[in-house]
Amino acid sequence: MIVGIGIDLVECGRFLDWSAFKKQRIFTKKELEYADNDNANSEKHLANFWAAREAFLKALGTGFGDDISFSDVSVVHNDLGRPELLISGGAKGALKEVAGADARVFLSITDQADYCAAMVVIEK
């Protein structure tokens, strides 16, 4: 049973002027390394990661705040390179409340020219 759907659209250039400090505060070390490994598309990767976080929070029906921090939701890649969400901390607790201990989270990311989009579906 689907309990949440979220989508987010981000302008890729939004991350060009962000300081290294701000990026380190928002993105995980793994995400920054992934983005840095593709220097030509680094900002696009960060925009994808941000869109994925926002789409997850929309599907969850919450936002960042006291209970959920930026590092509680991050993007990792499986052995085939498919992006997946890594949920921890307060986000994991909120997910459990909404969808139970066996919740499944599906992520799709796409980008075209200056925009990145992500969609998340939470299943109970």
N, C-alpha and C. Protein backbone atom coordinates (compact mmCIF):
# COMPACT_ATOMS: atom_id res chain seq x y z
N MET A 1 0.84 -1.17 0.00
CA MET A 1 0.00 0.00 0.00
C MET A 1 0.89 1.25 0.00
N ILE A 2 0.63 2.15 -0.92
CA ILE A 2 1.39 3.40 -1.00
C ILE A 2 0.88 4.36 0.08
N VAL A 3 1.80 4.90 0.88
CA VAL A 3 1.41 5.84 1.94
C VAL A 3 1.96 7.24 1.69
N GLY A 4 2.79 7.40 0.68
CA GLY A 4 3.31 8.73 0.39
C GLY A 4 3.98 8.82 -0.96
N ILE A 5 3.76 9.94 -1.64
CA ILE A 5 4.41 10.23 -2.91
C ILE A 5 4.93 11.66 -2.84
N GLY A 6 6.17 11.86 -3.24
CA GLY A 6 6.74 13.20 -3.24
C GLY A 6 7.55 13.45 -4.49
N ILE A 7 7.55 14.68 -4.96
CA ILE A 7 8.32 15.06 -6.13
C ILE A 7 8.95 16.42 -5.87
N ASP A 8 10.13 16.64 -6.44
CA ASP A 8 10.79 17.94 -6.29
C ASP A 8 11.54 18.27 -7.58
N LEU A 9 11.54 19.54 -7.93
CA LEU A 9 12.24 20.05 -9.11
C LEU A 9 13.20 21.12 -8.64
N VAL A 10 14.45 21.04 -9.08
CA VAL A 10 15.50 21.95 -8.63
C VAL A 10 16.25 22.52 -9.83
N GLU A 11 16.54 23.80 -9.79
CA GLU A 11 17.40 24.41 -10.80
C GLU A 11 18.85 24.09 -10.42
N CYS A 12 19.58 23.44 -11.31
CA CYS A 12 20.94 22.96 -11.01
C CYS A 12 21.89 24.08 -10.60
N GLY A 13 21.79 25.22 -11.23
CA GLY A 13 22.70 26.33 -10.95
C GLY A 13 22.61 26.87 -9.54
N ARG A 14 21.57 26.49 -8.83
CA ARG A 14 21.37 26.95 -7.45
C ARG A 14 22.56 26.63 -6.55
N PHE A 15 23.30 25.59 -6.88
CA PHE A 15 24.38 25.11 -6.02
C PHE A 15 25.76 25.65 -6.41
N LEU A 16 25.85 26.41 -7.50
CA LEU A 16 27.13 26.94 -7.98
C LEU A 16 27.80 27.86 -6.98
N ASP A 17 27.03 28.69 -6.31
CA ASP A 17 27.60 29.69 -5.42
C ASP A 17 27.69 29.24 -3.96
N TRP A 18 27.29 28.01 -3.69
CA TRP A 18 27.35 27.54 -2.31
C TRP A 18 28.80 27.34 -1.88
N SER A 19 29.12 27.73 -0.68
CA SER A 19 30.47 27.55 -0.14
C SER A 19 30.69 26.07 0.18
N ALA A 20 31.95 25.71 0.29
CA ALA A 20 32.30 24.33 0.66
C ALA A 20 31.72 24.02 2.04
N PHE A 21 31.73 24.99 2.94
CA PHE A 21 31.20 24.80 4.29
C PHE A 21 29.71 24.46 4.23
N LYS A 22 28.96 25.21 3.45
CA LYS A 22 27.52 24.97 3.34
C LYS A 22 27.24 23.59 2.72
N LYS A 23 28.01 23.23 1.70
CA LYS A 23 27.83 21.92 1.08
C LYS A 23 28.13 20.81 2.07
N GLN A 24 29.18 20.98 2.89
CA GLN A 24 29.54 19.96 3.87
C GLN A 24 28.50 19.84 4.97
N ARG A 25 27.79 20.93 5.22
CA ARG A 25 26.75 20.92 6.24
C ARG A 25 25.50 20.18 5.75
N ILE A 26 25.27 20.19 4.46
CA ILE A 26 24.04 19.62 3.91
C ILE A 26 24.24 18.22 3.34
N PHE A 27 25.33 18.03 2.62
CA PHE A 27 25.54 16.76 1.94
C PHE A 27 26.51 15.88 2.72
N THR A 28 26.37 14.57 2.56
CA THR A 28 27.28 13.64 3.24
C THR A 28 28.62 13.60 2.50
N LYS A 29 29.59 13.08 3.17
CA LYS A 29 30.93 12.95 2.57
C LYS A 29 30.86 12.09 1.30
N LYS A 30 30.07 11.03 1.35
CA LYS A 30 29.92 10.15 0.19
C LYS A 30 29.29 10.87 -0.99
N GLU A 31 28.29 11.70 -0.72
CA GLU A 31 27.64 12.44 -1.79
C GLU A 31 28.61 13.44 -2.41
N LEU A 32 29.37 14.14 -1.58
CA LEU A 32 30.34 15.12 -2.08
C LEU A 32 31.42 14.44 -2.91
N GLU A 33 31.89 13.28 -2.46
CA GLU A 33 32.90 12.52 -3.22
C GLU A 33 32.33 12.09 -4.57
N TYR A 34 31.08 11.61 -4.57
CA TYR A 34 30.44 11.18 -5.82
C TYR A 34 30.37 12.35 -6.79
N ALA A 35 29.93 13.50 -6.30
CA ALA A 35 29.82 14.69 -7.15
C ALA A 35 31.18 15.15 -7.65
N ASP A 36 32.18 15.12 -6.79
CA ASP A 36 33.52 15.56 -7.16
C ASP A 36 34.18 14.65 -8.19
N ASN A 37 33.77 13.38 -8.23
CA ASN A 37 34.34 12.44 -9.20
C ASN A 37 33.88 12.73 -10.62
N ASP A 38 32.86 13.55 -10.76
CA ASP A 38 32.37 13.94 -12.09
C ASP A 38 32.34 15.46 -12.11
N ASN A 39 33.51 16.04 -12.14
CA ASN A 39 33.67 17.49 -12.00
C ASN A 39 32.80 18.29 -12.96
N ALA A 40 32.61 17.81 -14.17
CA ALA A 40 31.83 18.53 -15.16
C ALA A 40 30.36 18.62 -14.76
N ASN A 41 29.90 17.66 -13.98
CA ASN A 41 28.49 17.61 -13.58
C ASN A 41 28.30 17.67 -12.06
N SER A 42 29.28 18.15 -11.35
CA SER A 42 29.25 18.16 -9.89
C SER A 42 28.00 18.84 -9.33
N GLU A 43 27.69 20.03 -9.82
CA GLU A 43 26.53 20.77 -9.30
C GLU A 43 25.23 20.06 -9.64
N LYS A 44 25.19 19.40 -10.79
CA LYS A 44 23.99 18.65 -11.18
C LYS A 44 23.76 17.48 -10.23
N HIS A 45 24.83 16.81 -9.83
CA HIS A 45 24.69 15.71 -8.87
C HIS A 45 24.16 16.24 -7.54
N LEU A 46 24.70 17.36 -7.08
CA LEU A 46 24.24 17.93 -5.82
C LEU A 46 22.76 18.33 -5.92
N ALA A 47 22.36 18.88 -7.04
CA ALA A 47 20.96 19.24 -7.24
C ALA A 47 20.08 17.99 -7.21
N ASN A 48 20.56 16.91 -7.83
CA ASN A 48 19.82 15.64 -7.78
C ASN A 48 19.66 15.15 -6.35
N PHE A 49 20.75 15.22 -5.58
CA PHE A 49 20.71 14.76 -4.19
C PHE A 49 19.75 15.61 -3.37
N TRP A 50 19.76 16.92 -3.60
CA TRP A 50 18.86 17.81 -2.88
C TRP A 50 17.40 17.50 -3.24
N ALA A 51 17.13 17.33 -4.54
CA ALA A 51 15.77 17.02 -4.99
C ALA A 51 15.28 15.71 -4.38
N ALA A 52 16.17 14.73 -4.26
CA ALA A 52 15.80 13.44 -3.66
C ALA A 52 15.41 13.62 -2.20
N ARG A 53 16.17 14.41 -1.46
CA ARG A 53 15.85 14.68 -0.05
C ARG A 53 14.46 15.34 0.07
N GLU A 54 14.27 16.37 -0.74
CA GLU A 54 13.01 17.11 -0.68
C GLU A 54 11.83 16.22 -1.08
N ALA A 55 11.99 15.42 -2.10
CA ALA A 55 10.92 14.52 -2.54
C ALA A 55 10.58 13.52 -1.43
N PHE A 56 11.60 13.02 -0.74
CA PHE A 56 11.36 12.09 0.36
C PHE A 56 10.57 12.76 1.47
N LEU A 57 10.97 13.97 1.85
CA LEU A 57 10.28 14.67 2.93
C LEU A 57 8.84 15.00 2.55
N LYS A 58 8.60 15.29 1.28
CA LYS A 58 7.23 15.54 0.83
C LYS A 58 6.41 14.25 0.89
N ALA A 59 7.00 13.13 0.49
CA ALA A 59 6.31 11.85 0.57
C ALA A 59 6.02 11.48 2.02
N LEU A 60 6.93 11.84 2.90
CA LEU A 60 6.78 11.57 4.32
C LEU A 60 5.76 12.50 4.97
N GLY A 61 5.60 13.69 4.38
CA GLY A 61 4.65 14.66 4.91
C GLY A 61 5.24 15.54 5.99
N THR A 62 6.54 15.72 5.95
CA THR A 62 7.23 16.53 6.95
C THR A 62 8.28 17.39 6.26
N GLY A 63 9.18 17.93 7.02
CA GLY A 63 10.28 18.71 6.47
C GLY A 63 11.48 18.59 7.40
N PHE A 64 12.56 19.28 7.05
CA PHE A 64 13.70 19.31 7.95
C PHE A 64 13.32 20.12 9.18
N GLY A 65 13.93 19.82 10.30
CA GLY A 65 13.63 20.56 11.51
C GLY A 65 14.34 19.94 12.70
N ASP A 66 13.75 20.10 13.86
CA ASP A 66 14.36 19.58 15.08
C ASP A 66 14.52 18.07 15.05
N ASP A 67 13.55 17.37 14.45
CA ASP A 67 13.57 15.92 14.46
C ASP A 67 14.32 15.29 13.29
N ILE A 68 14.42 16.02 12.18
CA ILE A 68 15.06 15.48 10.97
C ILE A 68 16.12 16.47 10.49
N SER A 69 17.36 15.99 10.40
CA SER A 69 18.45 16.85 9.94
C SER A 69 18.82 16.50 8.49
N PHE A 70 19.62 17.36 7.88
CA PHE A 70 20.03 17.14 6.49
C PHE A 70 20.69 15.77 6.30
N SER A 71 21.51 15.37 7.26
CA SER A 71 22.26 14.12 7.11
C SER A 71 21.42 12.87 7.36
N ASP A 72 20.17 13.04 7.80
CA ASP A 72 19.29 11.89 8.02
C ASP A 72 18.77 11.28 6.72
N VAL A 73 18.87 12.02 5.64
CA VAL A 73 18.42 11.54 4.33
C VAL A 73 19.55 11.79 3.34
N SER A 74 20.05 10.73 2.73
CA SER A 74 21.13 10.91 1.75
C SER A 74 20.96 9.91 0.61
N VAL A 75 21.67 10.19 -0.46
CA VAL A 75 21.60 9.33 -1.65
C VAL A 75 22.87 8.49 -1.72
N VAL A 76 22.68 7.21 -1.91
CA VAL A 76 23.78 6.27 -2.15
C VAL A 76 23.48 5.57 -3.48
N HIS A 77 24.44 4.86 -3.98
CA HIS A 77 24.25 4.13 -5.25
C HIS A 77 24.54 2.65 -5.01
N ASN A 78 23.65 1.80 -5.52
CA ASN A 78 23.87 0.36 -5.36
C ASN A 78 24.96 -0.11 -6.33
N ASP A 79 25.22 -1.40 -6.35
CA ASP A 79 26.30 -1.95 -7.18
C ASP A 79 26.09 -1.71 -8.68
N LEU A 80 24.84 -1.52 -9.08
CA LEU A 80 24.54 -1.26 -10.49
C LEU A 80 24.54 0.23 -10.80
N GLY A 81 24.75 1.07 -9.78
CA GLY A 81 24.76 2.51 -9.97
C GLY A 81 23.42 3.19 -9.76
N ARG A 82 22.39 2.40 -9.42
CA ARG A 82 21.06 2.96 -9.20
C ARG A 82 21.04 3.76 -7.89
N PRO A 83 20.50 4.97 -7.92
CA PRO A 83 20.43 5.76 -6.69
C PRO A 83 19.36 5.21 -5.74
N GLU A 84 19.70 5.22 -4.46
CA GLU A 84 18.78 4.79 -3.43
C GLU A 84 18.91 5.75 -2.26
N LEU A 85 17.88 5.83 -1.44
CA LEU A 85 17.94 6.70 -0.26
C LEU A 85 18.44 5.91 0.95
N LEU A 86 19.31 6.55 1.69
CA LEU A 86 19.78 6.02 2.96
C LEU A 86 19.10 6.87 4.03
N ILE A 87 18.24 6.24 4.82
CA ILE A 87 17.43 6.94 5.81
C ILE A 87 17.96 6.58 7.20
N SER A 88 18.22 7.60 8.02
CA SER A 88 18.72 7.35 9.37
C SER A 88 18.15 8.39 10.34
N GLY A 89 18.53 8.27 11.60
CA GLY A 89 18.16 9.26 12.61
C GLY A 89 16.67 9.52 12.69
N GLY A 90 16.33 10.81 12.83
CA GLY A 90 14.94 11.21 12.97
C GLY A 90 14.09 10.85 11.76
N ALA A 91 14.68 10.86 10.57
CA ALA A 91 13.94 10.50 9.35
C ALA A 91 13.53 9.03 9.39
N LYS A 92 14.39 8.19 9.93
CA LYS A 92 14.08 6.76 10.03
C LYS A 92 12.92 6.55 11.00
N GLY A 93 12.94 7.29 12.11
CA GLY A 93 11.85 7.19 13.07
C GLY A 93 10.54 7.66 12.48
N ALA A 94 10.56 8.77 11.76
CA ALA A 94 9.35 9.30 11.12
C ALA A 94 8.83 8.34 10.06
N LEU A 95 9.73 7.73 9.30
CA LEU A 95 9.33 6.76 8.28
C LEU A 95 8.65 5.56 8.94
N LYS A 96 9.19 5.11 10.04
CA LYS A 96 8.61 3.97 10.76
C LYS A 96 7.21 4.31 11.25
N GLU A 97 7.01 5.53 11.73
CA GLU A 97 5.69 5.96 12.20
C GLU A 97 4.68 5.98 11.05
N VAL A 98 5.09 6.45 9.89
CA VAL A 98 4.18 6.59 8.74
C VAL A 98 3.91 5.25 8.05
N ALA A 99 4.94 4.44 7.91
CA ALA A 99 4.80 3.25 7.07
C ALA A 99 5.18 1.94 7.75
N GLY A 100 5.56 1.98 9.01
CA GLY A 100 5.91 0.75 9.72
C GLY A 100 7.36 0.36 9.53
N ALA A 101 7.75 -0.68 10.24
CA ALA A 101 9.14 -1.14 10.24
C ALA A 101 9.58 -1.72 8.90
N ASP A 102 8.63 -2.21 8.11
CA ASP A 102 8.96 -2.84 6.83
C ASP A 102 8.76 -1.90 5.64
N ALA A 103 8.80 -0.60 5.90
CA ALA A 103 8.57 0.39 4.83
C ALA A 103 9.57 0.19 3.70
N ARG A 104 9.10 0.46 2.49
CA ARG A 104 9.97 0.45 1.31
C ARG A 104 9.92 1.83 0.70
N VAL A 105 11.09 2.30 0.28
CA VAL A 105 11.20 3.64 -0.31
C VAL A 105 11.78 3.49 -1.71
N PHE A 106 11.08 4.05 -2.69
CA PHE A 106 11.51 3.99 -4.08
C PHE A 106 11.88 5.40 -4.54
N LEU A 107 13.01 5.51 -5.23
CA LEU A 107 13.53 6.80 -5.67
C LEU A 107 13.80 6.77 -7.17
N SER A 108 13.39 7.83 -7.84
CA SER A 108 13.74 8.03 -9.24
C SER A 108 14.26 9.45 -9.39
N ILE A 109 15.40 9.59 -10.07
CA ILE A 109 16.02 10.90 -10.29
C ILE A 109 16.22 11.10 -11.78
N THR A 110 16.02 12.32 -12.24
CA THR A 110 16.28 12.64 -13.64
C THR A 110 16.77 14.08 -13.73
N ASP A 111 17.49 14.37 -14.79
CA ASP A 111 17.90 15.76 -15.02
C ASP A 111 17.94 16.02 -16.52
N GLN A 112 17.70 17.27 -16.84
CA GLN A 112 17.70 17.71 -18.23
C GLN A 112 18.11 19.17 -18.25
N ALA A 113 19.15 19.46 -18.99
CA ALA A 113 19.64 20.84 -19.12
C ALA A 113 19.86 21.46 -17.75
N ASP A 114 19.08 22.45 -17.38
CA ASP A 114 19.30 23.21 -16.14
C ASP A 114 18.48 22.72 -14.95
N TYR A 115 17.73 21.62 -15.11
CA TYR A 115 16.84 21.19 -14.04
C TYR A 115 17.06 19.73 -13.66
N CYS A 116 16.85 19.47 -12.37
CA CYS A 116 16.92 18.12 -11.83
C CYS A 116 15.61 17.85 -11.10
N ALA A 117 15.14 16.62 -11.19
CA ALA A 117 13.90 16.25 -10.52
C ALA A 117 14.07 14.89 -9.86
N ALA A 118 13.33 14.72 -8.77
CA ALA A 118 13.32 13.43 -8.09
C ALA A 118 11.90 13.12 -7.66
N MET A 119 11.59 11.83 -7.66
CA MET A 119 10.30 11.36 -7.18
C MET A 119 10.53 10.23 -6.20
N VAL A 120 9.78 10.25 -5.11
CA VAL A 120 9.88 9.22 -4.10
C VAL A 120 8.49 8.65 -3.82
N VAL A 121 8.43 7.34 -3.70
CA VAL A 121 7.21 6.65 -3.30
C VAL A 121 7.54 5.85 -2.05
N ILE A 122 6.70 6.00 -1.03
CA ILE A 122 6.85 5.23 0.21
C ILE A 122 5.72 4.21 0.25
N GLU A 123 6.13 2.96 0.47
CA GLU A 123 5.17 1.85 0.49
C GLU A 123 5.19 1.19 1.85
N LYS A 124 4.01 0.84 2.32
CA LYS A 124 3.84 0.16 3.61
C LYS A 124 3.84 -1.33 3.40
